[in-house]
PDB file of all heavy atoms in Angstrom:
ATOM      1  N   ALA A   1     142.478-130.378 -12.789  1.00  0.00           N
ATOM      2  CA  ALA A   1     143.249-129.855 -11.662  1.00  0.00           C
ATOM      3  C   ALA A   1     143.994-130.969 -10.933  1.00  0.00           C
ATOM      4  O   ALA A   1     145.150-130.793 -10.541  1.00  0.00           O
ATOM      5  CB  ALA A   1     142.323-129.118 -10.697  1.00  0.00           C
ATOM      6  N   ALA A   2     143.343-132.111 -10.751  1.00  0.00           N
ATOM      7  CA  ALA A   2     143.993-133.204 -10.027  1.00  0.00           C
ATOM      8  C   ALA A   2     145.225-133.700 -10.775  1.00  0.00           C
ATOM      9  O   ALA A   2     146.273-133.962 -10.170  1.00  0.00           O
ATOM     10  CB  ALA A   2     142.995-134.343  -9.803  1.00  0.00           C
ATOM     11  N   GLY A   3     145.122-133.834 -12.100  1.00  0.00           N
ATOM     12  CA  GLY A   3     146.267-134.281 -12.887  1.00  0.00           C
ATOM     13  C   GLY A   3     147.424-133.304 -12.812  1.00  0.00           C
ATOM     14  O   GLY A   3     148.600-133.702 -12.705  1.00  0.00           O
ATOM     15  N   ALA A   4     147.116-131.997 -12.883  1.00  0.00           N
ATOM     16  CA  ALA A   4     148.170-130.999 -12.778  1.00  0.00           C
ATOM     17  C   ALA A   4     148.805-131.019 -11.395  1.00  0.00           C
ATOM     18  O   ALA A   4     150.028-130.865 -11.253  1.00  0.00           O
ATOM     19  CB  ALA A   4     147.599-129.616 -13.080  1.00  0.00           C
ATOM     20  N   ALA A   5     147.978-131.244 -10.348  1.00  0.00           N
ATOM     21  CA  ALA A   5     148.510-131.293  -8.983  1.00  0.00           C
ATOM     22  C   ALA A   5     149.450-132.475  -8.813  1.00  0.00           C
ATOM     23  O   ALA A   5     150.498-132.366  -8.164  1.00  0.00           O
ATOM     24  CB  ALA A   5     147.363-131.361  -7.981  1.00  0.00           C
ATOM     25  N   ILE A   6     149.108-133.630  -9.389  1.00  0.00           N
ATOM     26  CA  ILE A   6     149.977-134.810  -9.295  1.00  0.00           C
ATOM     27  C   ILE A   6     151.325-134.531  -9.959  1.00  0.00           C
ATOM     28  O   ILE A   6     152.387-134.823  -9.397  1.00  0.00           O
ATOM     29  CB  ILE A   6     149.277-136.027  -9.931  1.00  0.00           C
ATOM     30  CG1 ILE A   6     148.134-136.502  -9.036  1.00  0.00           C
ATOM     31  CG2 ILE A   6     150.272-137.160 -10.173  1.00  0.00           C
ATOM     32  CD1 ILE A   6     147.282-137.588  -9.665  1.00  0.00           C
ATOM     33  N   GLY A   7     151.297-133.966 -11.160  1.00  0.00           N
ATOM     34  CA  GLY A   7     152.539-133.658 -11.847  1.00  0.00           C
ATOM     35  C   GLY A   7     153.377-132.646 -11.073  1.00  0.00           C
ATOM     36  O   GLY A   7     154.616-132.771 -10.973  1.00  0.00           O
ATOM     37  N   LEU A   8     152.733-131.637 -10.510  1.00  0.00           N
ATOM     38  CA  LEU A   8     153.453-130.620  -9.756  1.00  0.00           C
ATOM     39  C   LEU A   8     154.034-131.198  -8.467  1.00  0.00           C
ATOM     40  O   LEU A   8     155.169-130.890  -8.083  1.00  0.00           O
ATOM     41  CB  LEU A   8     152.514-129.449  -9.446  1.00  0.00           C
ATOM     42  CG  LEU A   8     153.131-128.232  -8.750  1.00  0.00           C
ATOM     43  CD1 LEU A   8     154.260-127.634  -9.598  1.00  0.00           C
ATOM     44  CD2 LEU A   8     152.068-127.179  -8.469  1.00  0.00           C
ATOM     45  N   LEU A   9     153.251-132.078  -7.811  1.00  0.00           N
ATOM     46  CA  LEU A   9     153.749-132.721  -6.591  1.00  0.00           C
ATOM     47  C   LEU A   9     155.010-133.529  -6.870  1.00  0.00           C
ATOM     48  O   LEU A   9     155.970-133.495  -6.092  1.00  0.00           O
ATOM     49  CB  LEU A   9     152.668-133.635  -6.007  1.00  0.00           C
ATOM     50  CG  LEU A   9     151.722-133.032  -4.969  1.00  0.00           C
ATOM     51  CD1 LEU A   9     150.669-134.054  -4.572  1.00  0.00           C
ATOM     52  CD2 LEU A   9     152.494-132.565  -3.748  1.00  0.00           C
ATOM     53  N   ASP A  10     155.006-134.260  -7.958  1.00  0.00           N
ATOM     54  CA  ASP A  10     156.178-135.064  -8.290  1.00  0.00           C
ATOM     55  C   ASP A  10     157.414-134.186  -8.498  1.00  0.00           C
ATOM     56  O   ASP A  10     158.529-134.554  -8.085  1.00  0.00           O
ATOM     57  CB  ASP A  10     155.904-135.903  -9.538  1.00  0.00           C
ATOM     58  CG  ASP A  10     154.907-137.016  -9.284  1.00  0.00           C
ATOM     59  OD1 ASP A  10     154.722-137.395  -8.103  1.00  0.00           O
ATOM     60  OD2 ASP A  10     154.310-137.509 -10.261  1.00  0.00           O
ATOM     61  N   LEU A  11     157.227-133.044  -9.129  1.00  0.00           N
ATOM     62  CA  LEU A  11     158.352-132.128  -9.317  1.00  0.00           C
ATOM     63  C   LEU A  11     158.850-131.563  -7.985  1.00  0.00           C
ATOM     64  O   LEU A  11     160.061-131.505  -7.722  1.00  0.00           O
ATOM     65  CB  LEU A  11     157.960-130.988 -10.243  1.00  0.00           C
ATOM     66  CG  LEU A  11     157.792-131.310 -11.728  1.00  0.00           C
ATOM     67  CD1 LEU A  11     157.317-130.074 -12.490  1.00  0.00           C
ATOM     68  CD2 LEU A  11     159.111-131.799 -12.319  1.00  0.00           C
ATOM     69  N   LEU A  12     157.910-131.146  -7.151  1.00  0.00           N
ATOM     70  CA  LEU A  12     158.293-130.541  -5.880  1.00  0.00           C
ATOM     71  C   LEU A  12     158.927-131.545  -4.929  1.00  0.00           C
ATOM     72  O   LEU A  12     159.758-131.178  -4.085  1.00  0.00           O
ATOM     73  CB  LEU A  12     157.068-129.885  -5.217  1.00  0.00           C
ATOM     74  CG  LEU A  12     156.454-128.678  -5.946  1.00  0.00           C
ATOM     75  CD1 LEU A  12     155.176-128.225  -5.248  1.00  0.00           C
ATOM     76  CD2 LEU A  12     157.448-127.523  -6.015  1.00  0.00           C
ATOM     77  N   LEU A  13     158.525-132.822  -5.056  1.00  0.00           N
ATOM     78  CA  LEU A  13     159.058-133.858  -4.175  1.00  0.00           C
ATOM     79  C   LEU A  13     160.268-134.579  -4.766  1.00  0.00           C
ATOM     80  O   LEU A  13     160.763-135.548  -4.170  1.00  0.00           O
ATOM     81  CB  LEU A  13     157.962-134.889  -3.856  1.00  0.00           C
ATOM     82  CG  LEU A  13     156.885-134.426  -2.860  1.00  0.00           C
ATOM     83  CD1 LEU A  13     155.714-135.401  -2.855  1.00  0.00           C
ATOM     84  CD2 LEU A  13     157.481-134.274  -1.454  1.00  0.00           C
ATOM     85  N   ALA A  14     160.758-134.100  -5.905  1.00  0.00           N
ATOM     86  CA  ALA A  14     161.889-134.774  -6.545  1.00  0.00           C
ATOM     87  C   ALA A  14     163.116-134.802  -5.643  1.00  0.00           C
ATOM     88  O   ALA A  14     163.911-135.745  -5.684  1.00  0.00           O
ATOM     89  CB  ALA A  14     162.217-134.083  -7.865  1.00  0.00           C
ATOM     90  N   SER A  15     163.279-133.751  -4.816  1.00  0.00           N
ATOM     91  CA  SER A  15     164.415-133.715  -3.900  1.00  0.00           C
ATOM     92  C   SER A  15     164.024-134.092  -2.484  1.00  0.00           C
ATOM     93  O   SER A  15     164.754-133.819  -1.529  1.00  0.00           O
ATOM     94  CB  SER A  15     165.047-132.317  -3.901  1.00  0.00           C
ATOM     95  OG  SER A  15     164.087-131.329  -3.571  1.00  0.00           O
ATOM     96  N   GLY A  16     162.867-134.744  -2.337  1.00  0.00           N
ATOM     97  CA  GLY A  16     162.432-135.223  -1.023  1.00  0.00           C
ATOM     98  C   GLY A  16     161.506-134.245  -0.338  1.00  0.00           C
ATOM     99  O   GLY A  16     161.296-133.114  -0.789  1.00  0.00           O
ATOM    100  N   GLY A  17     160.952-134.683   0.770  1.00  0.00           N
ATOM    101  CA  GLY A  17     160.040-133.851   1.553  1.00  0.00           C
ATOM    102  C   GLY A  17     159.307-134.680   2.571  1.00  0.00           C
ATOM    103  O   GLY A  17     158.979-135.844   2.319  1.00  0.00           O
ATOM    104  N   ASP A  18     159.058-134.098   3.728  1.00  0.00           N
ATOM    105  CA  ASP A  18     158.379-134.813   4.806  1.00  0.00           C
ATOM    106  C   ASP A  18     156.898-134.490   4.894  1.00  0.00           C
ATOM    107  O   ASP A  18     156.103-135.298   5.362  1.00  0.00           O
ATOM    108  CB  ASP A  18     159.030-134.476   6.157  1.00  0.00           C
ATOM    109  CG  ASP A  18     160.483-134.893   6.220  1.00  0.00           C
ATOM    110  OD1 ASP A  18     160.802-135.978   5.706  1.00  0.00           O
ATOM    111  OD2 ASP A  18     161.294-134.120   6.773  1.00  0.00           O
ATOM    112  N   LEU A  19     156.530-133.281   4.454  1.00  0.00           N
ATOM    113  CA  LEU A  19     155.149-132.841   4.610  1.00  0.00           C
ATOM    114  C   LEU A  19     154.702-132.100   3.370  1.00  0.00           C
ATOM    115  O   LEU A  19     155.383-131.194   2.891  1.00  0.00           O
ATOM    116  CB  LEU A  19     155.016-131.924   5.837  1.00  0.00           C
ATOM    117  CG  LEU A  19     153.645-131.269   6.052  1.00  0.00           C
ATOM    118  CD1 LEU A  19     152.572-132.320   6.358  1.00  0.00           C
ATOM    119  CD2 LEU A  19     153.709-130.229   7.168  1.00  0.00           C
ATOM    120  N   VAL A  20     153.531-132.485   2.853  1.00  0.00           N
ATOM    121  CA  VAL A  20     152.897-131.772   1.745  1.00  0.00           C
ATOM    122  C   VAL A  20     151.630-131.110   2.282  1.00  0.00           C
ATOM    123  O   VAL A  20     150.805-131.762   2.929  1.00  0.00           O
ATOM    124  CB  VAL A  20     152.538-132.723   0.589  1.00  0.00           C
ATOM    125  CG1 VAL A  20     151.722-131.983  -0.471  1.00  0.00           C
ATOM    126  CG2 VAL A  20     153.790-133.321  -0.021  1.00  0.00           C
ATOM    127  N   THR A  21     151.484-129.814   2.016  1.00  0.00           N
ATOM    128  CA  THR A  21     150.281-129.081   2.415  1.00  0.00           C
ATOM    129  C   THR A  21     149.560-128.634   1.149  1.00  0.00           C
ATOM    130  O   THR A  21     150.167-128.013   0.267  1.00  0.00           O
ATOM    131  CB  THR A  21     150.641-127.848   3.266  1.00  0.00           C
ATOM    132  OG1 THR A  21     151.360-128.273   4.424  1.00  0.00           O
ATOM    133  CG2 THR A  21     149.391-127.100   3.685  1.00  0.00           C
ATOM    134  N   VAL A  22     148.282-128.946   1.061  1.00  0.00           N
ATOM    135  CA  VAL A  22     147.464-128.559  -0.089  1.00  0.00           C
ATOM    136  C   VAL A  22     146.304-127.711   0.414  1.00  0.00           C
ATOM    137  O   VAL A  22     145.531-128.146   1.275  1.00  0.00           O
ATOM    138  CB  VAL A  22     146.937-129.794  -0.846  1.00  0.00           C
ATOM    139  CG1 VAL A  22     146.053-129.346  -2.012  1.00  0.00           C
ATOM    140  CG2 VAL A  22     148.093-130.652  -1.343  1.00  0.00           C
ATOM    141  N   LEU A  23     146.195-126.511  -0.129  1.00  0.00           N
ATOM    142  CA  LEU A  23     145.086-125.621   0.204  1.00  0.00           C
ATOM    143  C   LEU A  23     144.140-125.571  -0.990  1.00  0.00           C
ATOM    144  O   LEU A  23     144.558-125.245  -2.102  1.00  0.00           O
ATOM    145  CB  LEU A  23     145.607-124.221   0.526  1.00  0.00           C
ATOM    146  CG  LEU A  23     146.686-124.129   1.622  1.00  0.00           C
ATOM    147  CD1 LEU A  23     147.047-122.671   1.890  1.00  0.00           C
ATOM    148  CD2 LEU A  23     146.242-124.821   2.902  1.00  0.00           C
ATOM    149  N   ILE A  24     142.876-125.903  -0.751  1.00  0.00           N
ATOM    150  CA  ILE A  24     141.876-126.014  -1.819  1.00  0.00           C
ATOM    151  C   ILE A  24     141.054-124.734  -1.870  1.00  0.00           C
ATOM    152  O   ILE A  24     140.447-124.322  -0.877  1.00  0.00           O
ATOM    153  CB  ILE A  24     140.966-127.228  -1.585  1.00  0.00           C
ATOM    154  CG1 ILE A  24     141.817-128.499  -1.499  1.00  0.00           C
ATOM    155  CG2 ILE A  24     139.921-127.343  -2.679  1.00  0.00           C
ATOM    156  CD1 ILE A  24     141.038-129.741  -1.134  1.00  0.00           C
ATOM    157  N   GLY A  25     141.056-124.081  -3.022  1.00  0.00           N
ATOM    158  CA  GLY A  25     140.417-122.786  -3.168  1.00  0.00           C
ATOM    159  C   GLY A  25     138.980-122.854  -3.615  1.00  0.00           C
ATOM    160  O   GLY A  25     138.379-123.933  -3.794  1.00  0.00           O
ATOM    161  N   ALA A  26     138.402-121.659  -3.834  1.00  0.00           N
ATOM    162  CA  ALA A  26     136.996-121.547  -4.200  1.00  0.00           C
ATOM    163  C   ALA A  26     136.730-122.052  -5.606  1.00  0.00           C
ATOM    164  O   ALA A  26     135.577-122.322  -5.966  1.00  0.00           O
ATOM    165  CB  ALA A  26     136.556-120.089  -4.091  1.00  0.00           C
ATOM    166  N   GLY A  27     137.767-122.215  -6.440  1.00  0.00           N
ATOM    167  CA  GLY A  27     137.579-122.701  -7.801  1.00  0.00           C
ATOM    168  C   GLY A  27     137.097-124.130  -7.867  1.00  0.00           C
ATOM    169  O   GLY A  27     136.558-124.572  -8.892  1.00  0.00           O
ATOM    170  N   ILE A  28     137.285-124.889  -6.808  1.00  0.00           N
ATOM    171  CA  ILE A  28     136.696-126.240  -6.718  1.00  0.00           C
ATOM    172  C   ILE A  28     135.443-126.089  -5.890  1.00  0.00           C
ATOM    173  O   ILE A  28     135.474-125.978  -4.665  1.00  0.00           O
ATOM    174  CB  ILE A  28     137.695-127.234  -6.097  1.00  0.00           C
ATOM    175  CG1 ILE A  28     138.938-127.330  -6.981  1.00  0.00           C
ATOM    176  CG2 ILE A  28     137.060-128.594  -5.894  1.00  0.00           C
ATOM    177  CD1 ILE A  28     139.995-128.281  -6.474  1.00  0.00           C
ATOM    178  N   ASP A  29     134.294-126.098  -6.575  1.00  0.00           N
ATOM    179  CA  ASP A  29     133.064-125.578  -5.987  1.00  0.00           C
ATOM    180  C   ASP A  29     132.479-126.431  -4.878  1.00  0.00           C
ATOM    181  O   ASP A  29     132.131-125.943  -3.821  1.00  0.00           O
ATOM    182  CB  ASP A  29     132.000-125.376  -7.075  1.00  0.00           C
ATOM    183  CG  ASP A  29     132.441-124.360  -8.114  1.00  0.00           C
ATOM    184  OD1 ASP A  29     133.150-123.424  -7.727  1.00  0.00           O
ATOM    185  OD2 ASP A  29     132.095-124.524  -9.294  1.00  0.00           O
ATOM    186  N   GLU A  30     132.351-127.702  -5.117  1.00  0.00           N
ATOM    187  CA  GLU A  30     131.601-128.544  -4.185  1.00  0.00           C
ATOM    188  C   GLU A  30     132.523-129.231  -3.189  1.00  0.00           C
ATOM    189  O   GLU A  30     133.677-129.556  -3.486  1.00  0.00           O
ATOM    190  CB  GLU A  30     130.814-129.607  -4.957  1.00  0.00           C
ATOM    191  CG  GLU A  30     129.833-129.033  -5.969  1.00  0.00           C
ATOM    192  CD  GLU A  30     128.704-128.279  -5.318  1.00  0.00           C
ATOM    193  OE1 GLU A  30     128.407-128.597  -4.137  1.00  0.00           O
ATOM    194  OE2 GLU A  30     128.141-127.376  -5.957  1.00  0.00           O
ATOM    195  N   ASP A  31     131.988-129.456  -1.981  1.00  0.00           N
ATOM    196  CA  ASP A  31     132.758-130.182  -0.976  1.00  0.00           C
ATOM    197  C   ASP A  31     133.133-131.572  -1.473  1.00  0.00           C
ATOM    198  O   ASP A  31     134.218-132.079  -1.185  1.00  0.00           O
ATOM    199  CB  ASP A  31     131.949-130.305   0.323  1.00  0.00           C
ATOM    200  CG  ASP A  31     131.874-128.987   1.074  1.00  0.00           C
ATOM    201  OD1 ASP A  31     132.731-128.105   0.800  1.00  0.00           O
ATOM    202  OD2 ASP A  31     130.988-128.834   1.924  1.00  0.00           O
ATOM    203  N   ALA A  32     132.223-132.168  -2.234  1.00  0.00           N
ATOM    204  CA  ALA A  32     132.502-133.515  -2.758  1.00  0.00           C
ATOM    205  C   ALA A  32     133.678-133.472  -3.725  1.00  0.00           C
ATOM    206  O   ALA A  32     134.539-134.361  -3.719  1.00  0.00           O
ATOM    207  CB  ALA A  32     131.263-134.072  -3.453  1.00  0.00           C
ATOM    208  N   ASP A  33     133.747-132.419  -4.550  1.00  0.00           N
ATOM    209  CA  ASP A  33     134.865-132.288  -5.475  1.00  0.00           C
ATOM    210  C   ASP A  33     136.170-132.086  -4.717  1.00  0.00           C
ATOM    211  O   ASP A  33     137.216-132.655  -5.081  1.00  0.00           O
ATOM    212  CB  ASP A  33     134.634-131.113  -6.420  1.00  0.00           C
ATOM    213  CG  ASP A  33     133.462-131.356  -7.363  1.00  0.00           C
ATOM    214  OD1 ASP A  33     133.122-132.530  -7.574  1.00  0.00           O
ATOM    215  OD2 ASP A  33     132.900-130.372  -7.879  1.00  0.00           O
ATOM    216  N   ALA A  34     136.116-131.265  -3.660  1.00  0.00           N
ATOM    217  CA  ALA A  34     137.310-131.024  -2.858  1.00  0.00           C
ATOM    218  C   ALA A  34     137.776-132.316  -2.200  1.00  0.00           C
ATOM    219  O   ALA A  34     138.973-132.618  -2.156  1.00  0.00           O
ATOM    220  CB  ALA A  34     137.030-129.958  -1.796  1.00  0.00           C
ATOM    221  N   THR A  35     136.820-133.093  -1.692  1.00  0.00           N
ATOM    222  CA  THR A  35     137.181-134.362  -1.064  1.00  0.00           C
ATOM    223  C   THR A  35     137.795-135.305  -2.083  1.00  0.00           C
ATOM    224  O   THR A  35     138.779-136.002  -1.794  1.00  0.00           O
ATOM    225  CB  THR A  35     135.943-135.007  -0.424  1.00  0.00           C
ATOM    226  OG1 THR A  35     135.413-134.109   0.558  1.00  0.00           O
ATOM    227  CG2 THR A  35     136.286-136.331   0.231  1.00  0.00           C
ATOM    228  N   ALA A  36     137.220-135.309  -3.278  1.00  0.00           N
ATOM    229  CA  ALA A  36     137.740-136.196  -4.324  1.00  0.00           C
ATOM    230  C   ALA A  36     139.170-135.828  -4.698  1.00  0.00           C
ATOM    231  O   ALA A  36     140.034-136.700  -4.843  1.00  0.00           O
ATOM    232  CB  ALA A  36     136.831-136.131  -5.554  1.00  0.00           C
ATOM    233  N   VAL A  37     139.446-134.520  -4.856  1.00  0.00           N
ATOM    234  CA  VAL A  37     140.805-134.092  -5.169  1.00  0.00           C
ATOM    235  C   VAL A  37     141.750-134.486  -4.044  1.00  0.00           C
ATOM    236  O   VAL A  37     142.863-134.996  -4.284  1.00  0.00           O
ATOM    237  CB  VAL A  37     140.854-132.568  -5.410  1.00  0.00           C
ATOM    238  CG1 VAL A  37     142.298-132.082  -5.481  1.00  0.00           C
ATOM    239  CG2 VAL A  37     140.115-132.214  -6.690  1.00  0.00           C
ATOM    240  N   GLY A  38     141.327-134.271  -2.801  1.00  0.00           N
ATOM    241  CA  GLY A  38     142.149-134.642  -1.662  1.00  0.00           C
ATOM    242  C   GLY A  38     142.456-136.119  -1.632  1.00  0.00           C
ATOM    243  O   GLY A  38     143.596-136.527  -1.347  1.00  0.00           O
ATOM    244  N   ASP A  39     141.443-136.943  -1.930  1.00  0.00           N
ATOM    245  CA  ASP A  39     141.649-138.404  -1.928  1.00  0.00           C
ATOM    246  C   ASP A  39     142.619-138.827  -3.029  1.00  0.00           C
ATOM    247  O   ASP A  39     143.477-139.698  -2.827  1.00  0.00           O
ATOM    248  CB  ASP A  39     140.314-139.111  -2.105  1.00  0.00           C
ATOM    249  CG  ASP A  39     139.409-138.975  -0.889  1.00  0.00           C
ATOM    250  OD1 ASP A  39     139.934-138.636   0.199  1.00  0.00           O
ATOM    251  OD2 ASP A  39     138.188-139.209  -1.027  1.00  0.00           O
ATOM    252  N   ILE A  40     142.479-138.230  -4.219  1.00  0.00           N
ATOM    253  CA  ILE A  40     143.367-138.577  -5.326  1.00  0.00           C
ATOM    254  C   ILE A  40     144.824-138.254  -4.970  1.00  0.00           C
ATOM    255  O   ILE A  40     145.732-139.064  -5.188  1.00  0.00           O
ATOM    256  CB  ILE A  40     142.946-137.817  -6.602  1.00  0.00           C
ATOM    257  CG1 ILE A  40     141.600-138.347  -7.120  1.00  0.00           C
ATOM    258  CG2 ILE A  40     144.012-137.937  -7.688  1.00  0.00           C
ATOM    259  CD1 ILE A  40     140.997-137.503  -8.226  1.00  0.00           C
ATOM    260  N   LEU A  41     145.049-137.079  -4.397  1.00  0.00           N
ATOM    261  CA  LEU A  41     146.408-136.682  -4.041  1.00  0.00           C
ATOM    262  C   LEU A  41     146.959-137.527  -2.897  1.00  0.00           C
ATOM    263  O   LEU A  41     148.146-137.894  -2.897  1.00  0.00           O
ATOM    264  CB  LEU A  41     146.444-135.196  -3.662  1.00  0.00           C
ATOM    265  CG  LEU A  41     146.065-134.215  -4.775  1.00  0.00           C
ATOM    266  CD1 LEU A  41     146.199-132.783  -4.286  1.00  0.00           C
ATOM    267  CD2 LEU A  41     146.925-134.431  -6.005  1.00  0.00           C
TER     268      LEU A  41
END
């Protein structure tokens, strides 16, 4: 998921952007996993 998010972010930010909002769903089970994804992004 983190790798796909990085690739998608790069596409969405290709034309610039001031703010990125990421909402983490129930598919990432543990708080530690959610924190790790957030840190990577």
